């Protein structure tokens, strides 16, 4: 729910979550609608700079975001 600029601000919800990630234990997967690729790239680049493995899963605009423990694994898992 944050813009890229807001998410990259030091006091943002994204920053608080991202800075708590242990890159040796966590892979971050983003489900991305086609209107959000720019935001995804900015957040991905921030995480890459902090040695966090990132995967992106493009979704059609009409698809709901969902996940399960029994789903497919993302790169790096």
C-alpha atoms as a PDB file:
ATOM      1  CA  UNK A   1       0.000   0.000   0.000  1.00  0.00           C
ATOM      2  CA  UNK A   2       3.019   2.326  -0.117  1.00  0.00           C
ATOM      3  CA  UNK A   3       4.405   4.202  -3.097  1.00  0.00           C
ATOM      4  CA  UNK A   4       8.001   3.402  -4.008  1.00  0.00           C
ATOM      5  CA  UNK A   5       9.190   6.691  -2.539  1.00  0.00           C
ATOM      6  CA  UNK A   6       7.256   6.087   0.687  1.00  0.00           C
ATOM      7  CA  UNK A   7       8.442   2.464   0.936  1.00  0.00           C
ATOM      8  CA  UNK A   8      12.090   3.459   0.602  1.00  0.00           C
ATOM      9  CA  UNK A   9      11.795   6.114   3.322  1.00  0.00           C
ATOM     10  CA  UNK A  10      13.691   5.058   6.478  1.00  0.00           C
ATOM     11  CA  UNK A  11      10.536   5.048   8.635  1.00  0.00           C
ATOM     12  CA  UNK A  12       8.322   3.068   6.246  1.00  0.00           C
ATOM     13  CA  UNK A  13       6.615  -0.236   6.958  1.00  0.00           C
ATOM     14  CA  UNK A  14       8.624  -1.801   4.115  1.00  0.00           C
ATOM     15  CA  UNK A  15      11.910  -0.568   5.601  1.00  0.00           C
ATOM     16  CA  UNK A  16      11.064  -1.899   9.055  1.00  0.00           C
ATOM     17  CA  UNK A  17      10.217  -5.316   7.603  1.00  0.00           C
ATOM     18  CA  UNK A  18      13.099  -5.431   5.114  1.00  0.00           C
ATOM     19  CA  UNK A  19      15.718  -4.382   7.627  1.00  0.00           C
ATOM     20  CA  UNK A  20      14.662  -7.206   9.966  1.00  0.00           C
ATOM     21  CA  UNK A  21      15.290  -9.907   7.324  1.00  0.00           C
ATOM     22  CA  UNK A  22      18.122 -12.367   7.867  1.00  0.00           C
ATOM     23  CA  UNK A  23      19.415 -12.905   4.315  1.00  0.00           C
ATOM     24  CA  UNK A  24      20.756 -16.325   5.301  1.00  0.00           C
ATOM     25  CA  UNK A  25      17.289 -17.500   6.303  1.00  0.00           C
ATOM     26  CA  UNK A  26      14.785 -15.647   4.111  1.00  0.00           C
ATOM     27  CA  UNK A  27      13.812 -15.365   0.456  1.00  0.00           C
ATOM     28  CA  UNK A  28      11.328 -12.602  -0.436  1.00  0.00           C
ATOM     29  CA  UNK A  29       8.737 -13.299  -3.132  1.00  0.00           C
ATOM     30  CA  UNK A  30       6.731 -10.455  -4.645  1.00  0.00           C
ATOM     31  CA  UNK A  31       3.495 -11.123  -6.519  1.00  0.00           C
ATOM     32  CA  UNK A  32       3.400  -8.292  -9.044  1.00  0.00           C
ATOM     33  CA  UNK A  33       0.606  -6.887 -11.182  1.00  0.00           C
ATOM     34  CA  UNK A  34       1.674  -5.387 -14.501  1.00  0.00           C
ATOM     35  CA  UNK A  35       1.029  -1.848 -13.277  1.00  0.00           C
ATOM     36  CA  UNK A  36       3.524  -2.319 -10.416  1.00  0.00           C
ATOM     37  CA  UNK A  37       6.737  -3.481 -12.115  1.00  0.00           C
ATOM     38  CA  UNK A  38       8.530  -0.178 -11.416  1.00  0.00           C
ATOM     39  CA  UNK A  39       7.760  -0.429  -7.700  1.00  0.00           C
ATOM     40  CA  UNK A  40       8.830  -4.084  -7.689  1.00  0.00           C
ATOM     41  CA  UNK A  41      12.173  -3.238  -9.309  1.00  0.00           C
ATOM     42  CA  UNK A  42      12.877  -0.503  -6.757  1.00  0.00           C
ATOM     43  CA  UNK A  43      12.054  -2.733  -3.781  1.00  0.00           C
ATOM     44  CA  UNK A  44      13.953  -5.656  -5.314  1.00  0.00           C
ATOM     45  CA  UNK A  45      17.032  -3.481  -5.819  1.00  0.00           C
ATOM     46  CA  UNK A  46      16.911  -2.315  -2.192  1.00  0.00           C
ATOM     47  CA  UNK A  47      16.764  -5.921  -1.003  1.00  0.00           C
ATOM     48  CA  UNK A  48      19.562  -6.982  -3.387  1.00  0.00           C
ATOM     49  CA  UNK A  49      21.747  -4.234  -1.891  1.00  0.00           C
ATOM     50  CA  UNK A  50      21.166  -5.919   1.481  1.00  0.00           C
ATOM     51  CA  UNK A  51      22.028  -9.412   0.137  1.00  0.00           C
ATOM     52  CA  UNK A  52      18.429 -10.640   0.289  1.00  0.00           C
ATOM     53  CA  UNK A  53      17.382 -13.158  -2.379  1.00  0.00           C
ATOM     54  CA  UNK A  54      14.287 -11.915  -4.256  1.00  0.00           C
ATOM     55  CA  UNK A  55      11.830 -13.581  -6.605  1.00  0.00           C
ATOM     56  CA  UNK A  56       9.084 -11.892  -8.629  1.00  0.00           C
ATOM     57  CA  UNK A  57       5.900 -13.558  -9.796  1.00  0.00           C
ATOM     58  CA  UNK A  58       3.925 -11.587 -12.386  1.00  0.00           C
ATOM     59  CA  UNK A  59       0.153 -11.843 -12.111  1.00  0.00           C
ATOM     60  CA  UNK A  60      -2.642 -10.939 -14.529  1.00  0.00           C
ATOM     61  CA  UNK A  61      -4.612  -7.934 -13.283  1.00  0.00           C
ATOM     62  CA  UNK A  62      -7.698 -10.083 -12.632  1.00  0.00           C
ATOM     63  CA  UNK A  63      -5.848 -12.686 -10.530  1.00  0.00           C
ATOM     64  CA  UNK A  64      -6.065 -12.620  -6.768  1.00  0.00           C
ATOM     65  CA  UNK A  65      -2.826 -12.848  -4.790  1.00  0.00           C
ATOM     66  CA  UNK A  66      -2.588 -16.016  -2.755  1.00  0.00           C
ATOM     67  CA  UNK A  67       0.008 -18.385  -1.385  1.00  0.00           C
ATOM     68  CA  UNK A  68       0.256 -21.621   0.510  1.00  0.00           C
ATOM     69  CA  UNK A  69       2.958 -23.674   2.176  1.00  0.00           C
ATOM     70  CA  UNK A  70       2.259 -26.390  -0.405  1.00  0.00           C
ATOM     71  CA  UNK A  71       2.788 -24.130  -3.413  1.00  0.00           C
ATOM     72  CA  UNK A  72       5.815 -23.926  -5.679  1.00  0.00           C
ATOM     73  CA  UNK A  73       9.116 -22.648  -4.310  1.00  0.00           C
ATOM     74  CA  UNK A  74      10.681 -19.383  -5.356  1.00  0.00           C
ATOM     75  CA  UNK A  75      14.230 -19.044  -6.608  1.00  0.00           C
ATOM     76  CA  UNK A  76      16.710 -19.363  -3.781  1.00  0.00           C
ATOM     77  CA  UNK A  77      14.532 -21.479  -1.509  1.00  0.00           C
END
